[in-house]
Amino acid sequence: MLINSCFGGKVKYILLTDVDEQHQQEMELILKYSPFRTEAQVMKEFDKLEGGSGSLVIIYNLKLLDNGDPELDVKSDPFDILLSNPDTGDFDSDHG
């Protein structure tokens, strides 16, 4: 199937392939198991990247430790994701 798309002001025709079908399946999974409801919402998140490349990590539905803190610490270091209190052994035992 051929579709047309616009890149940089130029219309190009794209042949839909198995890669496109895989993209569609992956997008359906993302929409099913994430806080996003549309592909446009997901793609808008990539606008937050500065420059031409980078990584975007979306953390959703974290468990809490026994002390009530999230299992991952995303606030202490702006450049890293850390385990919360790894030295205390205070991890949720999944028993409550």
PDB file of N, CA and C in Angstrom:
ATOM      1  N   MET A   1       0.842  -1.163   0.000  1.00  0.00           N
ATOM      2  CA  MET A   1       0.000   0.000   0.000  1.00  0.00           C
ATOM      3  C   MET A   1       0.897   1.238   0.000  1.00  0.00           C
ATOM      4  N   LEU A   2       0.604   2.204  -0.821  1.00  0.00           N
ATOM      5  CA  LEU A   2       1.357   3.450  -0.885  1.00  0.00           C
ATOM      6  C   LEU A   2       0.614   4.547  -0.131  1.00  0.00           C
ATOM      7  N   ILE A   3       1.356   5.305   0.654  1.00  0.00           N
ATOM      8  CA  ILE A   3       0.785   6.491   1.287  1.00  0.00           C
ATOM      9  C   ILE A   3       1.705   7.657   0.971  1.00  0.00           C
ATOM     10  N   ASN A   4       1.178   8.855   1.056  1.00  0.00           N
ATOM     11  CA  ASN A   4       2.047   9.999   0.855  1.00  0.00           C
ATOM     12  C   ASN A   4       2.284  10.679   2.195  1.00  0.00           C
ATOM     13  N   SER A   5       3.444  11.264   2.317  1.00  0.00           N
ATOM     14  CA  SER A   5       3.824  11.928   3.544  1.00  0.00           C
ATOM     15  C   SER A   5       4.674  13.131   3.188  1.00  0.00           C
ATOM     16  N   CYS A   6       4.754  14.060   4.090  1.00  0.00           N
ATOM     17  CA  CYS A   6       5.497  15.279   3.836  1.00  0.00           C
ATOM     18  C   CYS A   6       6.688  15.351   4.791  1.00  0.00           C
ATOM     19  N   PHE A   7       7.897  15.426   4.241  1.00  0.00           N
ATOM     20  CA  PHE A   7       9.117  15.567   5.025  1.00  0.00           C
ATOM     21  C   PHE A   7       9.840  16.806   4.524  1.00  0.00           C
ATOM     22  N   GLY A   8      10.041  17.769   5.387  1.00  0.00           N
ATOM     23  CA  GLY A   8      10.763  18.975   4.993  1.00  0.00           C
ATOM     24  C   GLY A   8      10.129  19.705   3.840  1.00  0.00           C
ATOM     25  N   GLY A   9       8.807  19.664   3.755  1.00  0.00           N
ATOM     26  CA  GLY A   9       8.115  20.369   2.693  1.00  0.00           C
ATOM     27  C   GLY A   9       8.024  19.612   1.384  1.00  0.00           C
ATOM     28  N   LYS A  10       8.612  18.404   1.319  1.00  0.00           N
ATOM     29  CA  LYS A  10       8.569  17.606   0.091  1.00  0.00           C
ATOM     30  C   LYS A  10       7.653  16.406   0.314  1.00  0.00           C
ATOM     31  N   VAL A  11       6.782  16.181  -0.625  1.00  0.00           N
ATOM     32  CA  VAL A  11       5.879  15.030  -0.542  1.00  0.00           C
ATOM     33  C   VAL A  11       6.621  13.804  -1.047  1.00  0.00           C
ATOM     34  N   LYS A  12       6.597  12.759  -0.238  1.00  0.00           N
ATOM     35  CA  LYS A  12       7.219  11.503  -0.625  1.00  0.00           C
ATOM     36  C   LYS A  12       6.179  10.400  -0.516  1.00  0.00           C
ATOM     37  N   TYR A  13       6.318   9.388  -1.339  1.00  0.00           N
ATOM     38  CA  TYR A  13       5.448   8.235  -1.269  1.00  0.00           C
ATOM     39  C   TYR A  13       6.180   7.126  -0.529  1.00  0.00           C
ATOM     40  N   ILE A  14       5.492   6.529   0.394  1.00  0.00           N
ATOM     41  CA  ILE A  14       6.092   5.505   1.238  1.00  0.00           C
ATOM     42  C   ILE A  14       5.331   4.207   1.046  1.00  0.00           C
ATOM     43  N   LEU A  15       6.069   3.131   0.861  1.00  0.00           N
ATOM     44  CA  LEU A  15       5.475   1.809   0.747  1.00  0.00           C
ATOM     45  C   LEU A  15       5.370   1.224   2.148  1.00  0.00           C
ATOM     46  N   LEU A  16       4.152   0.901   2.574  1.00  0.00           N
ATOM     47  CA  LEU A  16       3.973   0.292   3.885  1.00  0.00           C
ATOM     48  C   LEU A  16       4.504  -1.135   3.849  1.00  0.00           C
ATOM     49  N   THR A  17       5.293  -1.483   4.836  1.00  0.00           N
ATOM     50  CA  THR A  17       5.948  -2.787   4.874  1.00  0.00           C
ATOM     51  C   THR A  17       5.679  -3.460   6.206  1.00  0.00           C
ATOM     52  N   ASP A  18       6.337  -4.597   6.395  1.00  0.00           N
ATOM     53  CA  ASP A  18       6.236  -5.299   7.674  1.00  0.00           C
ATOM     54  C   ASP A  18       6.722  -4.426   8.827  1.00  0.00           C
ATOM     55  N   VAL A  19       7.690  -3.542   8.568  1.00  0.00           N
ATOM     56  CA  VAL A  19       8.183  -2.640   9.607  1.00  0.00           C
ATOM     57  C   VAL A  19       7.047  -1.745  10.092  1.00  0.00           C
ATOM     58  N   ASP A  20       6.232  -1.277   9.172  1.00  0.00           N
ATOM     59  CA  ASP A  20       5.099  -0.434   9.540  1.00  0.00           C
ATOM     60  C   ASP A  20       4.074  -1.216  10.356  1.00  0.00           C
ATOM     61  N   GLU A  21       3.870  -2.470   9.986  1.00  0.00           N
ATOM     62  CA  GLU A  21       2.943  -3.306  10.753  1.00  0.00           C
ATOM     63  C   GLU A  21       3.474  -3.546  12.161  1.00  0.00           C
ATOM     64  N   GLN A  22       4.792  -3.755  12.276  1.00  0.00           N
ATOM     65  CA  GLN A  22       5.410  -3.938  13.585  1.00  0.00           C
ATOM     66  C   GLN A  22       5.263  -2.662  14.419  1.00  0.00           C
ATOM     67  N   HIS A  23       5.474  -1.508  13.779  1.00  0.00           N
ATOM     68  CA  HIS A  23       5.304  -0.229  14.471  1.00  0.00           C
ATOM     69  C   HIS A  23       3.881  -0.106  15.010  1.00  0.00           C
ATOM     70  N   GLN A  24       2.912  -0.477  14.205  1.00  0.00           N
ATOM     71  CA  GLN A  24       1.508  -0.390  14.614  1.00  0.00           C
ATOM     72  C   GLN A  24       1.235  -1.296  15.810  1.00  0.00           C
ATOM     73  N   GLN A  25       1.768  -2.513  15.773  1.00  0.00           N
ATOM     74  CA  GLN A  25       1.572  -3.438  16.893  1.00  0.00           C
ATOM     75  C   GLN A  25       2.225  -2.900  18.174  1.00  0.00           C
ATOM     76  N   GLU A  26       3.436  -2.369  18.030  1.00  0.00           N
ATOM     77  CA  GLU A  26       4.131  -1.820  19.194  1.00  0.00           C
ATOM     78  C   GLU A  26       3.395  -0.606  19.747  1.00  0.00           C
ATOM     79  N   MET A  27       2.869   0.225  18.866  1.00  0.00           N
ATOM     80  CA  MET A  27       2.127   1.397  19.320  1.00  0.00           C
ATOM     81  C   MET A  27       0.860   0.978  20.062  1.00  0.00           C
ATOM     82  N   GLU A  28       0.198  -0.060  19.580  1.00  0.00           N
ATOM     83  CA  GLU A  28      -0.991  -0.558  20.277  1.00  0.00           C
ATOM     84  C   GLU A  28      -0.654  -1.011  21.694  1.00  0.00           C
ATOM     85  N   LEU A  29       0.490  -1.660  21.861  1.00  0.00           N
ATOM     86  CA  LEU A  29       0.921  -2.091  23.197  1.00  0.00           C
ATOM     87  C   LEU A  29       1.234  -0.899  24.094  1.00  0.00           C
ATOM     88  N   ILE A  30       1.929   0.086  23.539  1.00  0.00           N
ATOM     89  CA  ILE A  30       2.239   1.291  24.314  1.00  0.00           C
ATOM     90  C   ILE A  30       0.954   1.960  24.780  1.00  0.00           C
ATOM     91  N   LEU A  31      -0.003   2.099  23.893  1.00  0.00           N
ATOM     92  CA  LEU A  31      -1.259   2.760  24.249  1.00  0.00           C
ATOM     93  C   LEU A  31      -2.065   1.942  25.258  1.00  0.00           C
ATOM     94  N   LYS A  32      -1.954   0.630  25.183  1.00  0.00           N
ATOM     95  CA  LYS A  32      -2.694  -0.230  26.104  1.00  0.00           C
ATOM     96  C   LYS A  32      -2.132  -0.170  27.518  1.00  0.00           C
ATOM     97  N   TYR A  33      -0.800  -0.088  27.655  1.00  0.00           N
ATOM     98  CA  TYR A  33      -0.161  -0.208  28.960  1.00  0.00           C
ATOM     99  C   TYR A  33       0.519   1.063  29.446  1.00  0.00           C
ATOM    100  N   SER A  34       0.189   2.207  28.898  1.00  0.00           N
ATOM    101  CA  SER A  34       0.802   3.466  29.326  1.00  0.00           C
ATOM    102  C   SER A  34      -0.288   4.495  29.621  1.00  0.00           C
ATOM    103  N   PRO A  35       0.115   5.641  30.141  1.00  0.00           N
ATOM    104  CA  PRO A  35      -0.886   6.687  30.409  1.00  0.00           C
ATOM    105  C   PRO A  35      -1.352   7.424  29.158  1.00  0.00           C
ATOM    106  N   PHE A  36      -0.767   7.108  28.007  1.00  0.00           N
ATOM    107  CA  PHE A  36      -1.109   7.795  26.770  1.00  0.00           C
ATOM    108  C   PHE A  36      -2.295   7.115  26.091  1.00  0.00           C
ATOM    109  N   ARG A  37      -3.137   7.916  25.451  1.00  0.00           N
ATOM    110  CA  ARG A  37      -4.325   7.373  24.792  1.00  0.00           C
ATOM    111  C   ARG A  37      -4.276   7.479  23.278  1.00  0.00           C
ATOM    112  N   THR A  38      -3.349   8.289  22.761  1.00  0.00           N
ATOM    113  CA  THR A  38      -3.242   8.427  21.305  1.00  0.00           C
ATOM    114  C   THR A  38      -1.771   8.407  20.893  1.00  0.00           C
ATOM    115  N   GLU A  39      -1.534   8.041  19.638  1.00  0.00           N
ATOM    116  CA  GLU A  39      -0.169   8.063  19.113  1.00  0.00           C
ATOM    117  C   GLU A  39       0.384   9.485  19.138  1.00  0.00           C
ATOM    118  N   ALA A  40      -0.459  10.463  18.896  1.00  0.00           N
ATOM    119  CA  ALA A  40      -0.016  11.859  18.915  1.00  0.00           C
ATOM    120  C   ALA A  40       0.503  12.258  20.298  1.00  0.00           C
ATOM    121  N   GLN A  41      -0.141  11.776  21.363  1.00  0.00           N
ATOM    122  CA  GLN A  41       0.334  12.067  22.716  1.00  0.00           C
ATOM    123  C   GLN A  41       1.715  11.468  22.946  1.00  0.00           C
ATOM    124  N   VAL A  42       1.929  10.249  22.477  1.00  0.00           N
ATOM    125  CA  VAL A  42       3.230   9.601  22.626  1.00  0.00           C
ATOM    126  C   VAL A  42       4.290  10.392  21.863  1.00  0.00           C
ATOM    127  N   MET A  43       4.014  10.714  20.622  1.00  0.00           N
ATOM    128  CA  MET A  43       4.988  11.407  19.787  1.00  0.00           C
ATOM    129  C   MET A  43       5.304  12.805  20.315  1.00  0.00           C
ATOM    130  N   LYS A  44       4.334  13.449  20.952  1.00  0.00           N
ATOM    131  CA  LYS A  44       4.567  14.780  21.498  1.00  0.00           C
ATOM    132  C   LYS A  44       5.624  14.741  22.611  1.00  0.00           C
ATOM    133  N   GLU A  45       5.724  13.619  23.315  1.00  0.00           N
ATOM    134  CA  GLU A  45       6.723  13.479  24.365  1.00  0.00           C
ATOM    135  C   GLU A  45       8.143  13.624  23.812  1.00  0.00           C
ATOM    136  N   PHE A  46       8.360  13.213  22.563  1.00  0.00           N
ATOM    137  CA  PHE A  46       9.689  13.312  21.978  1.00  0.00           C
ATOM    138  C   PHE A  46      10.082  14.751  21.678  1.00  0.00           C
ATOM    139  N   ASP A  47       9.120  15.664  21.668  1.00  0.00           N
ATOM    140  CA  ASP A  47       9.429  17.083  21.485  1.00  0.00           C
ATOM    141  C   ASP A  47      10.226  17.619  22.665  1.00  0.00           C
ATOM    142  N   LYS A  48      10.209  16.904  23.794  1.00  0.00           N
ATOM    143  CA  LYS A  48      10.941  17.340  24.984  1.00  0.00           C
ATOM    144  C   LYS A  48      12.446  17.126  24.860  1.00  0.00           C
ATOM    145  N   LEU A  49      12.860  16.329  23.888  1.00  0.00           N
ATOM    146  CA  LEU A  49      14.283  16.100  23.678  1.00  0.00           C
ATOM    147  C   LEU A  49      14.921  17.350  23.085  1.00  0.00           C
ATOM    148  N   GLU A  50      16.071  17.704  23.613  1.00  0.00           N
ATOM    149  CA  GLU A  50      16.796  18.860  23.092  1.00  0.00           C
ATOM    150  C   GLU A  50      17.837  18.370  22.098  1.00  0.00           C
ATOM    151  N   GLY A  51      17.946  19.024  20.977  1.00  0.00           N
ATOM    152  CA  GLY A  51      18.916  18.605  19.972  1.00  0.00           C
ATOM    153  C   GLY A  51      18.325  17.576  19.027  1.00  0.00           C
ATOM    154  N   GLY A  52      19.183  17.000  18.229  1.00  0.00           N
ATOM    155  CA  GLY A  52      18.729  16.072  17.202  1.00  0.00           C
ATOM    156  C   GLY A  52      18.558  14.641  17.648  1.00  0.00           C
ATOM    157  N   SER A  53      19.023  14.320  18.860  1.00  0.00           N
ATOM    158  CA  SER A  53      18.896  12.938  19.324  1.00  0.00           C
ATOM    159  C   SER A  53      18.893  12.908  20.842  1.00  0.00           C
ATOM    160  N   GLY A  54      18.624  11.742  21.389  1.00  0.00           N
ATOM    161  CA  GLY A  54      18.619  11.587  22.833  1.00  0.00           C
ATOM    162  C   GLY A  54      17.740  10.435  23.241  1.00  0.00           C
ATOM    163  N   SER A  55      17.565  10.295  24.528  1.00  0.00           N
ATOM    164  CA  SER A  55      16.725   9.234  25.080  1.00  0.00           C
ATOM    165  C   SER A  55      15.634   9.857  25.928  1.00  0.00           C
ATOM    166  N   LEU A  56      14.487   9.262  25.872  1.00  0.00           N
ATOM    167  CA  LEU A  56      13.363   9.702  26.682  1.00  0.00           C
ATOM    168  C   LEU A  56      12.882   8.498  27.470  1.00  0.00           C
ATOM    169  N   VAL A  57      12.943   8.595  28.789  1.00  0.00           N
ATOM    170  CA  VAL A  57      12.505   7.507  29.654  1.00  0.00           C
ATOM    171  C   VAL A  57      11.214   7.942  30.328  1.00  0.00           C
ATOM    172  N   ILE A  58      10.173   7.169  30.144  1.00  0.00           N
ATOM    173  CA  ILE A  58       8.890   7.460  30.774  1.00  0.00           C
ATOM    174  C   ILE A  58       8.642   6.371  31.795  1.00  0.00           C
ATOM    175  N   ILE A  59       8.580   6.767  33.045  1.00  0.00           N
ATOM    176  CA  ILE A  59       8.373   5.810  34.128  1.00  0.00           C
ATOM    177  C   ILE A  59       6.935   5.963  34.590  1.00  0.00           C
ATOM    178  N   TYR A  60       6.241   4.844  34.635  1.00  0.00           N
ATOM    179  CA  TYR A  60       4.807   4.868  34.894  1.00  0.00           C
ATOM    180  C   TYR A  60       4.449   3.737  35.834  1.00  0.00           C
ATOM    181  N   ASN A  61       3.579   4.017  36.782  1.00  0.00           N
ATOM    182  CA  ASN A  61       3.016   2.997  37.654  1.00  0.00           C
ATOM    183  C   ASN A  61       4.065   2.315  38.523  1.00  0.00           C
ATOM    184  N   LEU A  62       4.886   3.133  39.211  1.00  0.00           N
ATOM    185  CA  LEU A  62       5.915   2.597  40.101  1.00  0.00           C
ATOM    186  C   LEU A  62       5.311   1.971  41.349  1.00  0.00           C
ATOM    187  N   LYS A  63       5.974   0.937  41.830  1.00  0.00           N
ATOM    188  CA  LYS A  63       5.605   0.359  43.119  1.00  0.00           C
ATOM    189  C   LYS A  63       6.206   1.222  44.223  1.00  0.00           C
ATOM    190  N   LEU A  64       5.651   1.110  45.397  1.00  0.00           N
ATOM    191  CA  LEU A  64       6.189   1.807  46.560  1.00  0.00           C
ATOM    192  C   LEU A  64       6.921   0.818  47.453  1.00  0.00           C
ATOM    193  N   LEU A  65       7.978   1.308  48.079  1.00  0.00           N
ATOM    194  CA  LEU A  65       8.693   0.516  49.072  1.00  0.00           C
ATOM    195  C   LEU A  65       7.864   0.438  50.343  1.00  0.00           C
ATOM    196  N   ASP A  66       8.284  -0.418  51.249  1.00  0.00           N
ATOM    197  CA  ASP A  66       7.571  -0.558  52.524  1.00  0.00           C
ATOM    198  C   ASP A  66       7.497   0.766  53.290  1.00  0.00           C
ATOM    199  N   ASN A  67       8.503   1.650  53.095  1.00  0.00           N
ATOM    200  CA  ASN A  67       8.500   2.944  53.791  1.00  0.00           C
ATOM    201  C   ASN A  67       7.680   4.006  53.050  1.00  0.00           C
ATOM    202  N   GLY A  68       7.083   3.646  51.903  1.00  0.00           N
ATOM    203  CA  GLY A  68       6.223   4.571  51.167  1.00  0.00           C
ATOM    204  C   GLY A  68       6.906   5.322  50.042  1.00  0.00           C
ATOM    205  N   ASP A  69       8.243   5.211  49.937  1.00  0.00           N
ATOM    206  CA  ASP A  69       8.969   5.871  48.851  1.00  0.00           C
ATOM    207  C   ASP A  69       8.818   5.066  47.555  1.00  0.00           C
ATOM    208  N   PRO A  70       8.873   5.738  46.395  1.00  0.00           N
ATOM    209  CA  PRO A  70       8.845   4.997  45.122  1.00  0.00           C
ATOM    210  C   PRO A  70      10.084   4.111  45.013  1.00  0.00           C
ATOM    211  N   GLU A  71       9.967   2.988  44.292  1.00  0.00           N
ATOM    212  CA  GLU A  71      11.079   2.052  44.172  1.00  0.00           C
ATOM    213  C   GLU A  71      12.263   2.637  43.406  1.00  0.00           C
ATOM    214  N   LEU A  72      12.028   3.638  42.579  1.00  0.00           N
ATOM    215  CA  LEU A  72      13.109   4.303  41.858  1.00  0.00           C
ATOM    216  C   LEU A  72      13.189   5.765  42.278  1.00  0.00           C
ATOM    217  N   ASP A  73      14.410   6.248  42.440  1.00  0.00           N
ATOM    218  CA  ASP A  73      14.661   7.631  42.828  1.00  0.00           C
ATOM    219  C   ASP A  73      15.040   8.411  41.572  1.00  0.00           C
ATOM    220  N   VAL A  74      14.155   9.285  41.138  1.00  0.00           N
ATOM    221  CA  VAL A  74      14.411  10.080  39.936  1.00  0.00           C
ATOM    222  C   VAL A  74      14.697  11.542  40.266  1.00  0.00           C
ATOM    223  N   LYS A  75      14.771  11.868  41.555  1.00  0.00           N
ATOM    224  CA  LYS A  75      14.955  13.261  41.956  1.00  0.00           C
ATOM    225  C   LYS A  75      16.354  13.583  42.465  1.00  0.00           C
ATOM    226  N   SER A  76      17.044  12.630  43.084  1.00  0.00           N
ATOM    227  CA  SER A  76      18.347  12.909  43.703  1.00  0.00           C
ATOM    228  C   SER A  76      19.414  13.303  42.703  1.00  0.00           C
ATOM    229  N   ASP A  77      19.426  12.659  41.542  1.00  0.00           N
ATOM    230  CA  ASP A  77      20.433  12.914  40.518  1.00  0.00           C
ATOM    231  C   ASP A  77      19.717  13.191  39.204  1.00  0.00           C
ATOM    232  N   PRO A  78      19.834  14.404  38.675  1.00  0.00           N
ATOM    233  CA  PRO A  78      19.098  14.733  37.446  1.00  0.00           C
ATOM    234  C   PRO A  78      19.583  13.972  36.214  1.00  0.00           C
ATOM    235  N   PHE A  79      20.707  13.262  36.331  1.00  0.00           N
ATOM    236  CA  PHE A  79      21.262  12.544  35.191  1.00  0.00           C
ATOM    237  C   PHE A  79      21.211  11.027  35.348  1.00  0.00           C
ATOM    238  N   ASP A  80      20.532  10.542  36.390  1.00  0.00           N
ATOM    239  CA  ASP A  80      20.512   9.106  36.622  1.00  0.00           C
ATOM    240  C   ASP A  80      19.220   8.695  37.322  1.00  0.00           C
ATOM    241  N   ILE A  81      18.862   7.446  37.170  1.00  0.00           N
ATOM    242  CA  ILE A  81      17.734   6.848  37.883  1.00  0.00           C
ATOM    243  C   ILE A  81      18.333   5.848  38.860  1.00  0.00           C
ATOM    244  N   LEU A  82      18.038   6.003  40.129  1.00  0.00           N
ATOM    245  CA  LEU A  82      18.652   5.192  41.171  1.00  0.00           C
ATOM    246  C   LEU A  82      17.607   4.352  41.893  1.00  0.00           C
ATOM    247  N   LEU A  83      18.051   3.259  42.483  1.00  0.00           N
ATOM    248  CA  LEU A  83      17.187   2.513  43.388  1.00  0.00           C
ATOM    249  C   LEU A  83      17.023   3.337  44.654  1.00  0.00           C
ATOM    250  N   SER A  84      15.831   3.409  45.169  1.00  0.00           N
ATOM    251  CA  SER A  84      15.617   4.137  46.418  1.00  0.00           C
ATOM    252  C   SER A  84      16.152   3.322  47.581  1.00  0.00           C
ATOM    253  N   ASN A  85      16.939   3.939  48.411  1.00  0.00           N
ATOM    254  CA  ASN A  85      17.481   3.330  49.628  1.00  0.00           C
ATOM    255  C   ASN A  85      18.031   1.922  49.403  1.00  0.00           C
ATOM    256  N   PRO A  86      18.957   1.717  48.471  1.00  0.00           N
ATOM    257  CA  PRO A  86      19.433   0.354  48.218  1.00  0.00           C
ATOM    258  C   PRO A  86      20.189  -0.242  49.399  1.00  0.00           C
ATOM    259  N   ASP A  87      20.759   0.596  50.263  1.00  0.00           N
ATOM    260  CA  ASP A  87      21.539   0.092  51.393  1.00  0.00           C
ATOM    261  C   ASP A  87      20.675  -0.354  52.558  1.00  0.00           C
ATOM    262  N   THR A  88      19.432   0.091  52.611  1.00  0.00           N
ATOM    263  CA  THR A  88      18.590  -0.246  53.754  1.00  0.00           C
ATOM    264  C   THR A  88      17.909  -1.595  53.608  1.00  0.00           C
ATOM    265  N   GLY A  89      17.846  -2.110  52.389  1.00  0.00           N
ATOM    266  CA  GLY A  89      17.135  -3.370  52.169  1.00  0.00           C
ATOM    267  C   GLY A  89      15.634  -3.202  52.303  1.00  0.00           C
ATOM    268  N   ASP A  90      15.173  -1.951  52.295  1.00  0.00           N
ATOM    269  CA  ASP A  90      13.750  -1.651  52.470  1.00  0.00           C
ATOM    270  C   ASP A  90      13.034  -1.727  51.134  1.00  0.00           C
ATOM    271  N   PHE A  91      12.837  -2.941  50.652  1.00  0.00           N
ATOM    272  CA  PHE A  91      12.169  -3.116  49.381  1.00  0.00           C
ATOM    273  C   PHE A  91      10.838  -3.806  49.602  1.00  0.00           C
ATOM    274  N   ASP A  92       9.862  -3.457  48.804  1.00  0.00           N
ATOM    275  CA  ASP A  92       8.529  -4.045  48.896  1.00  0.00           C
ATOM    276  C   ASP A  92       8.625  -5.553  48.723  1.00  0.00           C
ATOM    277  N   SER A  93       8.035  -6.274  49.627  1.00  0.00           N
ATOM    278  CA  SER A  93       8.103  -7.738  49.583  1.00  0.00           C
ATOM    279  C   SER A  93       6.944  -8.325  48.787  1.00  0.00           C
ATOM    280  N   ASP A  94       6.103  -7.494  48.209  1.00  0.00           N
ATOM    281  CA  ASP A  94       4.913  -7.935  47.477  1.00  0.00           C
ATOM    282  C   ASP A  94       3.914  -8.654  48.373  1.00  0.00           C
ATOM    283  N   HIS A  95       3.993  -8.423  49.658  1.00  0.00           N
ATOM    284  CA  HIS A  95       3.050  -9.045  50.601  1.00  0.00           C
ATOM    285  C   HIS A  95       2.104  -8.003  51.197  1.00  0.00           C
ATOM    286  N   GLY A  96       1.948  -6.911  50.548  1.00  0.00           N
ATOM    287  CA  GLY A  96       1.031  -5.973  51.125  1.00  0.00           C
ATOM    288  C   GLY A  96       1.182  -4.648  50.563  1.00  0.00           C
TER     289      GLY A  96
END
